[in-house]
Amino acid sequence: MGKSRLNSYFFFMQEQKRLIPAWKNKSNQELMVLCDSLWTALDPQERFRFEEMKKDFVGKDPEAREKERKKGDVRITGGYDTHGRPLVDIERRDREMKREAVNKIEAVANMVETAARAGALEVTKFYVMETNVFVKTEDDPPVFVPAEVSIAKFSLQEGVIRVYQAFTVPGRIPLGYKRLCLENINDGHKIPLEVNLDEEDDITRFRQTPDVEIFEDIRRFLSGSEIVFCMPEKTAQCEGVLRTIAQRSNLTQLNISIVPLPELLFRLANKSQEGITLPSTNMAEIELERERFLYQAGLSCSWHDAMTDTNTCSSATVWRWCFTLLDLCCQHYKIPLVSGRHIPRTVETEPVGQGWGAVDQGRSVRNTANRQGRNMIRRLGGFPSEDVRFREEQVVEEEDNKVKKQDEARGTAGEENNAVQEHIEK
């Protein structure tokens, strides 16, 4: 005998049995005949509701879930993984993670849609977060030893308004992870584990901010906003850093939800009057990962800028993410890009000297009369950076061409003088 499986039609029959008093004592076989015409008349959306009822019931009842298991599927009920954890708990965790991911996408969609309906999408403030850590342990869940936190505030109209940045106190290093901390420091963000008290310069002085002060600063900076954006691969790290700070200092966890930044780029790019300009969230993530402003100067915090040569400063990262989103979206809203607000100050649209011609992808399509503000609209895509290693080659090539043209001009003039002299002698 095969396993009898529940289906959406069964839940439809039970609902009709409750709604129609005359069918109260009918058997399932009788209900199957009576409900057939009603079921056929349902549209797909109404049938989908009963399909969801079936999934909810199967998810809560282990026996029903076992009946639904197809041949070849892993047995969930009564099973354990290699760490001794029940497979039922793992399945429940994965189901909750999927539901949470869907809720985050819906939160971004609702946020953009609400602002667009109110006519305030261009002035709505968005927040982008990035963190650096000394190490991530292999525990489940992992423990993050925080090193740096940065949050940027921006809008389409104003560009990047402000960036909050702070170095955190690392706290107790988990046993056996000190070497990994030092490796991550040398290979990545260069943030020291300890404060050097001999530093006297205010610009280069390294200061670690207490946990309580960081949380208070973040609450003031967010101004009541509960949604913060981040790249998907960094979401767990940002959540882990905030969780570590809250737990070790007995602080109330921040009431924020960290949602995917590519989803925001996708929604903003396609909400303008030009319609669909970015085909998918995956393409939005690819555009953000291209890091078109990676080697622009002046984006790091003052300490990283003065004391290191790394581009992994969390402050520089949130600047680049915001600049990329603004560069891709503002042109569809006819918002001119302001240097230092929507794009880095070092991005030029006109030649600034010999050998430093503007990159075609970054050239303005309108005359830039005001060199102070440098308002402009750039073309979609491309890298506005230029490899400085080719500067000398460009200069030498231009000088060689100049000398060659001068030699050709001298040769032409000499031939003309010879022809005149021969004519005179004749």
Protein backbone atom coordinates (compact mmCIF):
# COMPACT_ATOMS: atom_id res chain seq x y z
CA MET A 1 0.00 0.00 0.00
CA GLY A 2 1.35 3.41 -0.97
CA LYS A 3 1.38 6.33 1.40
CA SER A 4 -1.82 8.38 1.29
CA ARG A 5 -0.83 12.00 0.73
CA LEU A 6 -2.74 15.12 1.60
CA ASN A 7 -3.43 17.59 -1.17
CA SER A 8 -4.96 21.05 -1.50
CA TYR A 9 -8.31 19.53 -2.59
CA PHE A 10 -8.62 17.83 0.81
CA PHE A 11 -8.37 21.18 2.63
CA PHE A 12 -10.92 22.67 0.23
CA MET A 13 -13.33 19.85 1.06
CA GLN A 14 -12.89 20.38 4.79
CA GLU A 15 -13.57 24.08 4.43
CA GLN A 16 -16.76 23.46 2.46
CA LYS A 17 -17.81 20.93 5.08
CA ARG A 18 -17.58 23.64 7.73
CA LEU A 19 -19.28 26.30 5.63
CA ILE A 20 -22.26 24.23 4.44
CA PRO A 21 -24.33 22.85 7.40
CA ALA A 22 -25.98 20.14 5.28
CA TRP A 23 -22.58 18.59 4.53
CA LYS A 24 -21.54 18.37 8.17
CA ASN A 25 -21.95 14.59 8.41
CA LYS A 26 -20.82 13.76 4.86
CA SER A 27 -17.91 11.35 4.41
CA ASN A 28 -14.79 12.25 2.46
CA GLN A 29 -15.94 10.08 -0.46
CA GLU A 30 -19.24 11.97 -0.65
CA LEU A 31 -17.47 15.33 -0.30
CA MET A 32 -15.18 14.49 -3.21
CA VAL A 33 -18.21 14.25 -5.51
CA LEU A 34 -20.06 17.23 -4.06
CA CYS A 35 -17.06 19.59 -4.14
CA ASP A 36 -15.84 18.67 -7.62
CA SER A 37 -17.80 21.36 -9.50
CA LEU A 38 -16.95 24.00 -6.90
CA TRP A 39 -13.24 23.16 -7.10
CA THR A 40 -13.28 23.34 -10.89
CA ALA A 41 -14.79 26.84 -10.74
CA LEU A 42 -11.98 28.21 -8.55
CA ASP A 43 -9.37 30.45 -10.17
CA PRO A 44 -5.62 29.74 -9.67
CA GLN A 45 -5.24 32.35 -6.93
CA GLU A 46 -8.01 30.79 -4.82
CA ARG A 47 -6.49 27.32 -5.29
CA PHE A 48 -3.12 28.68 -4.22
CA ARG A 49 -4.59 29.55 -0.83
CA PHE A 50 -5.41 25.90 -0.18
CA GLU A 51 -1.98 24.87 -1.39
CA GLU A 52 -0.47 27.13 1.29
CA MET A 53 -2.76 25.57 3.90
CA LYS A 54 -1.41 22.17 2.92
CA LYS A 55 2.23 23.32 3.20
CA ASP A 56 1.62 24.83 6.62
CA PHE A 57 0.04 21.63 7.89
CA VAL A 58 2.79 19.43 6.48
CA GLY A 59 5.47 21.66 8.01
CA LYS A 60 3.97 21.35 11.50
CA ASP A 61 3.12 17.62 11.49
CA PRO A 62 6.14 15.25 11.33
CA GLU A 63 3.96 12.29 10.30
CA ALA A 64 2.38 14.27 7.48
CA ARG A 65 5.81 15.46 6.39
CA GLU A 66 7.04 11.87 6.30
CA LYS A 67 4.05 10.88 4.13
CA GLU A 68 4.91 13.70 1.73
CA ARG A 69 8.51 12.52 1.41
CA LYS A 70 9.17 11.26 -2.09
CA LYS A 71 11.30 8.28 -2.99
CA GLY A 72 14.98 9.24 -2.80
CA ASP A 73 14.45 12.24 -0.48
CA VAL A 74 16.36 12.41 2.80
CA ARG A 75 14.39 11.19 5.78
CA ILE A 76 13.81 14.19 8.07
CA THR A 77 11.83 12.70 10.96
CA GLY A 78 14.11 11.01 13.47
CA GLY A 79 17.29 11.83 11.52
CA TYR A 80 20.45 13.59 12.71
CA ASP A 81 23.38 15.24 10.97
CA THR A 82 27.08 14.49 11.60
CA HIS A 83 27.11 16.90 14.56
CA GLY A 84 24.18 15.18 16.26
CA ARG A 85 21.69 17.94 15.44
CA PRO A 86 18.13 16.85 14.56
CA LEU A 87 17.38 17.22 10.86
CA VAL A 88 13.97 18.56 11.81
CA ASP A 89 15.62 21.54 13.53
CA ILE A 90 17.91 22.13 10.56
CA GLU A 91 14.99 22.04 8.16
CA ARG A 92 13.07 24.48 10.38
CA ARG A 93 16.12 26.80 10.48
CA ASP A 94 16.47 26.74 6.68
CA ARG A 95 12.76 27.40 6.25
CA GLU A 96 12.96 30.39 8.59
CA MET A 97 16.00 31.75 6.75
CA LYS A 98 14.16 31.56 3.44
CA ARG A 99 11.14 33.28 4.95
CA GLU A 100 13.37 35.99 6.42
CA ALA A 101 15.05 36.57 3.04
CA VAL A 102 11.64 36.99 1.38
CA ASN A 103 10.53 39.40 4.12
CA LYS A 104 13.64 41.55 3.58
CA ILE A 105 12.97 41.78 -0.15
CA GLU A 106 9.36 42.76 0.53
CA ALA A 107 10.54 45.39 3.04
CA VAL A 108 12.74 47.04 0.39
CA ALA A 109 9.95 46.93 -2.19
CA ASN A 110 7.46 48.46 0.27
CA MET A 111 9.93 51.17 1.28
CA VAL A 112 10.57 52.26 -2.31
CA GLU A 113 6.92 51.96 -3.32
CA THR A 114 5.70 54.01 -0.34
CA ALA A 115 8.21 56.78 -1.02
CA ALA A 116 7.36 56.81 -4.72
CA ARG A 117 3.62 57.11 -4.06
CA ALA A 118 4.27 60.03 -1.71
CA GLY A 119 6.41 61.73 -4.35
CA ALA A 120 9.39 61.73 -1.99
CA LEU A 121 11.61 59.02 -3.48
CA GLU A 122 14.33 61.48 -4.53
CA VAL A 123 14.66 62.91 -0.99
CA THR A 124 14.21 59.70 1.02
CA LYS A 125 17.20 58.94 3.24
CA PHE A 126 18.85 55.53 2.92
CA TYR A 127 21.55 54.00 5.14
CA VAL A 128 24.38 51.70 4.04
CA MET A 129 26.53 49.74 6.50
CA GLU A 130 29.89 47.95 6.37
CA THR A 131 32.13 46.47 9.05
CA ASN A 132 35.65 45.11 9.43
CA VAL A 133 36.49 42.28 11.81
CA PHE A 134 39.68 40.86 13.26
CA VAL A 135 38.47 37.29 12.99
CA LYS A 136 35.40 35.10 12.52
CA THR A 137 35.35 31.89 14.54
CA GLU A 138 34.18 28.52 13.26
CA ASP A 139 31.52 28.16 15.94
CA ASP A 140 27.83 27.76 15.15
CA PRO A 141 26.74 30.50 15.24
CA PRO A 142 30.15 32.11 14.59
CA VAL A 143 31.64 34.76 16.86
CA PHE A 144 32.88 37.97 15.23
CA VAL A 145 35.65 40.04 16.82
CA PRO A 146 34.77 43.58 15.63
CA ALA A 147 37.34 46.06 14.37
CA GLU A 148 35.48 48.88 12.58
CA VAL A 149 31.93 50.07 11.84
CA SER A 150 30.83 52.56 9.18
CA ILE A 151 27.36 53.74 8.12
CA ALA A 152 26.63 56.14 5.26
CA LYS A 153 23.49 58.26 4.87
CA PHE A 154 22.46 59.30 1.35
CA SER A 155 19.56 60.28 -0.88
CA LEU A 156 19.21 60.56 -4.63
CA GLN A 157 18.82 64.33 -4.47
CA GLU A 158 21.55 65.19 -1.94
CA GLY A 159 23.97 62.35 -2.59
CA VAL A 160 26.08 61.15 0.35
CA ILE A 161 25.08 63.35 3.27
CA ARG A 162 27.30 61.99 6.02
CA VAL A 163 29.36 58.91 6.98
CA TYR A 164 29.68 57.65 10.54
CA GLN A 165 32.86 55.66 11.30
CA ALA A 166 34.28 54.22 14.52
CA PHE A 167 36.97 51.73 15.54
CA THR A 168 35.58 49.23 18.02
CA VAL A 169 37.24 47.68 21.03
CA PRO A 170 38.15 44.11 20.00
CA GLY A 171 37.47 42.68 23.44
CA ARG A 172 38.60 39.19 24.40
CA ILE A 173 40.18 37.27 21.53
CA PRO A 174 38.82 33.68 21.35
CA LEU A 175 41.35 31.06 22.36
CA GLY A 176 43.49 29.99 19.42
CA TYR A 177 42.53 32.84 17.07
CA LYS A 178 45.26 35.42 17.84
CA ARG A 179 47.38 34.37 14.86
CA LEU A 180 44.42 34.66 12.47
CA CYS A 181 43.72 38.13 13.85
CA LEU A 182 47.26 39.24 13.03
CA GLU A 183 47.07 37.71 9.55
CA ASN A 184 43.81 39.50 8.80
CA ILE A 185 45.34 42.76 10.01
CA ASN A 186 48.40 42.45 7.77
CA ASP A 187 46.52 41.19 4.72
CA GLY A 188 43.46 43.42 5.03
CA HIS A 189 42.30 46.42 6.99
CA LYS A 190 45.60 47.13 8.90
CA ILE A 191 43.67 48.07 12.07
CA PRO A 192 45.83 47.43 15.18
CA LEU A 193 44.59 45.34 18.06
CA GLU A 194 45.95 47.75 20.65
CA VAL A 195 46.06 51.55 20.94
CA ASN A 196 49.46 53.23 20.56
CA LEU A 197 49.60 55.86 23.32
CA ASP A 198 52.69 57.50 21.78
CA GLU A 199 50.72 59.00 18.88
CA GLU A 200 50.32 62.74 19.33
CA ASP A 201 48.93 63.95 16.01
CA ASP A 202 45.13 64.35 16.13
CA ILE A 203 44.80 63.17 12.53
CA THR A 204 46.83 60.00 12.86
CA ARG A 205 45.82 59.14 16.44
CA PHE A 206 44.09 55.76 16.61
CA ARG A 207 41.09 55.79 18.96
CA GLN A 208 38.84 52.89 19.91
CA THR A 209 35.27 53.84 20.75
CA PRO A 210 33.50 52.13 23.70
CA ASP A 211 30.54 49.88 22.92
CA VAL A 212 27.99 52.08 24.69
CA GLU A 213 29.12 55.15 22.77
CA ILE A 214 28.97 53.30 19.43
CA PHE A 215 25.37 52.18 20.00
CA GLU A 216 24.32 55.65 21.11
CA ASP A 217 25.98 57.19 18.05
CA ILE A 218 24.33 54.71 15.70
CA ARG A 219 20.88 55.33 17.17
CA ARG A 220 21.29 59.08 16.73
CA PHE A 221 22.71 58.66 13.24
CA LEU A 222 19.85 56.44 12.02
CA SER A 223 17.25 58.92 13.36
CA GLY A 224 14.64 56.22 13.92
CA SER A 225 15.20 54.32 10.66
CA GLU A 226 14.90 50.56 11.06
CA ILE A 227 16.27 49.50 7.65
CA VAL A 228 19.99 49.47 6.84
CA PHE A 229 21.43 48.20 3.57
CA CYS A 230 24.48 46.03 3.01
CA MET A 231 25.90 43.67 0.38
CA PRO A 232 24.45 40.15 0.83
CA GLU A 233 27.80 38.50 1.55
CA LYS A 234 28.46 40.99 4.37
CA THR A 235 25.03 40.81 6.02
CA ALA A 236 25.93 38.02 8.47
CA GLN A 237 29.13 39.85 9.45
CA CYS A 238 27.34 43.15 10.13
CA GLU A 239 24.66 41.40 12.16
CA GLY A 240 27.33 39.45 14.03
CA VAL A 241 29.32 42.57 14.92
CA LEU A 242 26.25 44.31 16.35
CA ARG A 243 25.27 41.15 18.21
CA THR A 244 28.76 40.78 19.72
CA ILE A 245 28.83 44.40 20.90
CA ALA A 246 25.39 44.10 22.47
CA GLN A 247 26.04 40.78 24.23
CA ARG A 248 29.46 41.54 25.73
CA SER A 249 28.35 44.93 27.11
CA ASN A 250 24.80 43.89 28.14
CA LEU A 251 23.26 46.43 25.76
CA THR A 252 19.84 46.35 24.15
CA GLN A 253 20.14 45.13 20.59
CA LEU A 254 19.55 47.76 17.92
CA ASN A 255 16.09 47.49 16.38
CA ILE A 256 17.26 47.43 12.78
CA SER A 257 16.95 45.05 9.85
CA ILE A 258 19.95 44.66 7.52
CA VAL A 259 18.60 44.14 4.00
CA PRO A 260 20.34 43.58 0.62
CA LEU A 261 21.73 46.68 -1.12
CA PRO A 262 21.38 45.19 -4.66
CA GLU A 263 17.63 45.00 -4.09
CA LEU A 264 17.56 48.75 -3.39
CA LEU A 265 19.59 49.50 -6.54
CA PHE A 266 17.26 47.29 -8.58
CA ARG A 267 14.12 48.99 -7.22
CA LEU A 268 15.43 52.55 -7.55
CA ALA A 269 16.80 52.07 -11.07
CA ASN A 270 13.46 50.69 -12.32
CA LYS A 271 11.16 53.11 -10.48
CA SER A 272 11.96 56.14 -12.65
CA GLN A 273 9.84 57.32 -15.56
CA GLU A 274 12.19 55.54 -17.96
CA GLY A 275 10.82 52.17 -16.83
CA ILE A 276 12.94 49.02 -16.61
CA THR A 277 16.62 49.96 -16.85
CA LEU A 278 18.13 47.15 -14.74
CA PRO A 279 16.88 43.67 -15.68
CA SER A 280 17.37 41.82 -12.37
CA THR A 281 18.69 41.94 -8.84
CA ASN A 282 21.61 39.75 -9.93
CA MET A 283 22.68 42.40 -12.45
CA ALA A 284 22.41 45.04 -9.73
CA GLU A 285 24.70 42.98 -7.51
CA ILE A 286 27.20 42.60 -10.37
CA GLU A 287 27.25 46.37 -10.90
CA LEU A 288 28.01 46.94 -7.21
CA GLU A 289 30.73 44.28 -7.23
CA ARG A 290 32.49 45.90 -10.18
CA GLU A 291 33.89 48.52 -7.79
CA ARG A 292 34.22 51.24 -10.45
CA PHE A 293 35.47 53.72 -7.80
CA LEU A 294 37.88 51.34 -6.07
CA TYR A 295 41.09 53.36 -6.51
CA GLN A 296 39.71 56.85 -5.90
CA ALA A 297 41.53 58.87 -3.24
CA GLY A 298 39.95 60.64 -0.27
CA LEU A 299 37.28 58.04 0.60
CA SER A 300 38.94 56.37 3.58
CA CYS A 301 38.74 57.59 7.17
CA SER A 302 41.45 60.00 8.32
CA TRP A 303 43.48 57.29 10.08
CA HIS A 304 43.45 54.83 7.16
CA ASP A 305 44.19 57.64 4.73
CA ALA A 306 47.21 58.88 6.71
CA MET A 307 48.66 55.65 8.08
CA THR A 308 47.91 52.87 5.56
CA ASP A 309 47.74 52.17 1.84
CA THR A 310 44.75 49.80 2.01
CA ASN A 311 41.41 50.31 0.26
CA THR A 312 39.50 48.04 2.68
CA CYS A 313 38.55 50.81 5.09
CA SER A 314 34.86 50.31 5.87
CA SER A 315 34.27 54.04 5.43
CA ALA A 316 35.72 53.92 1.89
CA THR A 317 33.59 50.88 1.11
CA VAL A 318 30.27 52.54 1.99
CA TRP A 319 31.33 55.66 0.03
CA ARG A 320 31.99 53.51 -3.06
CA TRP A 321 28.73 51.61 -2.74
CA CYS A 322 26.75 54.84 -2.46
CA PHE A 323 28.62 56.46 -5.37
CA THR A 324 27.97 53.41 -7.57
CA LEU A 325 24.24 53.41 -6.80
CA LEU A 326 23.94 57.18 -7.32
CA ASP A 327 25.95 57.06 -10.54
CA LEU A 328 23.63 54.39 -11.96
CA CYS A 329 20.30 55.81 -10.72
CA CYS A 330 20.46 59.63 -10.74
CA GLN A 331 20.64 59.90 -14.53
CA HIS A 332 17.23 58.20 -14.81
CA TYR A 333 15.73 60.81 -12.46
CA LYS A 334 17.44 63.70 -14.33
CA ILE A 335 19.39 64.55 -11.16
CA PRO A 336 22.77 66.16 -11.96
CA LEU A 337 25.74 64.55 -10.25
CA VAL A 338 27.61 66.77 -7.80
CA SER A 339 31.29 66.06 -7.27
CA GLY A 340 31.97 64.84 -3.76
CA ARG A 341 28.28 64.07 -3.21
CA HIS A 342 27.24 61.71 -6.02
CA ILE A 343 30.69 60.74 -7.35
CA PRO A 344 34.23 61.11 -5.97
CA ARG A 345 35.89 64.51 -6.20
CA THR A 346 38.81 62.95 -8.06
CA VAL A 347 36.62 61.90 -11.02
CA GLU A 348 37.35 64.46 -13.76
CA THR A 349 35.22 65.15 -16.82
CA GLU A 350 37.73 67.37 -18.63
CA PRO A 351 41.50 67.11 -19.17
CA VAL A 352 43.45 68.61 -16.28
CA GLY A 353 46.88 68.60 -17.87
CA GLN A 354 49.21 66.97 -20.33
CA GLY A 355 48.82 63.21 -20.37
CA TRP A 356 45.65 63.20 -18.25
CA GLY A 357 42.83 63.09 -20.75
CA ALA A 358 39.37 62.31 -19.40
CA VAL A 359 38.12 58.77 -19.70
CA ASP A 360 35.37 58.43 -22.33
CA GLN A 361 33.00 56.64 -19.97
CA GLY A 362 33.33 59.45 -17.43
CA ARG A 363 33.08 62.45 -19.79
CA SER A 364 30.14 64.76 -19.22
CA VAL A 365 27.50 65.01 -21.93
CA ARG A 366 26.84 68.66 -21.13
CA ASN A 367 29.13 71.69 -20.99
CA THR A 368 30.61 72.07 -17.52
CA ALA A 369 30.81 75.79 -17.02
CA ASN A 370 31.11 75.71 -13.26
CA ARG A 371 34.35 73.98 -12.34
CA GLN A 372 33.67 74.36 -8.62
CA GLY A 373 30.53 72.25 -8.43
CA ARG A 374 31.20 70.15 -11.56
CA ASN A 375 27.53 69.17 -11.89
CA MET A 376 27.15 66.54 -14.56
CA ILE A 377 25.32 63.47 -15.80
CA ARG A 378 27.53 60.52 -16.66
CA ARG A 379 26.89 57.66 -19.03
CA LEU A 380 25.69 54.35 -17.56
CA GLY A 381 28.40 51.86 -16.65
CA GLY A 382 32.11 51.93 -17.26
CA PHE A 383 34.99 52.82 -14.99
CA PRO A 384 35.69 56.52 -14.38
CA SER A 385 39.18 55.66 -13.07
CA GLU A 386 42.37 55.84 -15.08
CA ASP A 387 45.52 53.76 -14.57
CA VAL A 388 48.23 56.18 -13.47
CA ARG A 389 50.94 53.78 -14.64
CA PHE A 390 50.24 54.75 -18.25
CA ARG A 391 50.69 58.46 -17.69
CA GLU A 392 54.41 58.52 -18.63
CA GLU A 393 53.76 56.36 -21.68
CA GLN A 394 51.04 58.75 -22.81
CA VAL A 395 53.30 61.78 -22.34
CA VAL A 396 56.25 60.16 -24.16
CA GLU A 397 54.01 59.09 -27.03
CA GLU A 398 52.58 62.60 -27.38
CA GLU A 399 56.10 64.13 -27.35
CA ASP A 400 57.30 61.67 -30.01
CA ASN A 401 54.34 62.54 -32.22
CA LYS A 402 55.05 66.26 -31.72
CA VAL A 403 58.73 65.87 -32.70
CA LYS A 404 57.76 63.77 -35.70
CA LYS A 405 55.35 66.44 -36.92
CA GLN A 406 58.02 69.14 -36.47
CA ASP A 407 60.53 67.11 -38.51
CA GLU A 408 57.98 66.61 -41.25
CA ALA A 409 57.25 70.33 -41.27
CA ARG A 410 60.99 71.14 -41.54
CA GLY A 411 61.39 68.65 -44.38
CA THR A 412 58.50 70.15 -46.32
CA ALA A 413 59.83 73.69 -45.83
CA GLY A 414 63.33 72.61 -47.03
CA GLU A 415 61.96 71.09 -50.21
CA GLU A 416 60.05 74.28 -50.98
CA ASN A 417 63.19 76.44 -50.46
CA ASN A 418 65.24 74.21 -52.79
CA ALA A 419 62.61 74.48 -55.49
CA VAL A 420 62.63 78.30 -55.26
CA GLN A 421 66.45 78.43 -55.42
CA GLU A 422 66.55 76.25 -58.56
CA HIS A 423 63.93 78.47 -60.22
CA ILE A 424 66.03 81.61 -59.50
CA GLU A 425 69.24 80.09 -60.90
CA LYS A 426 67.45 79.17 -64.13
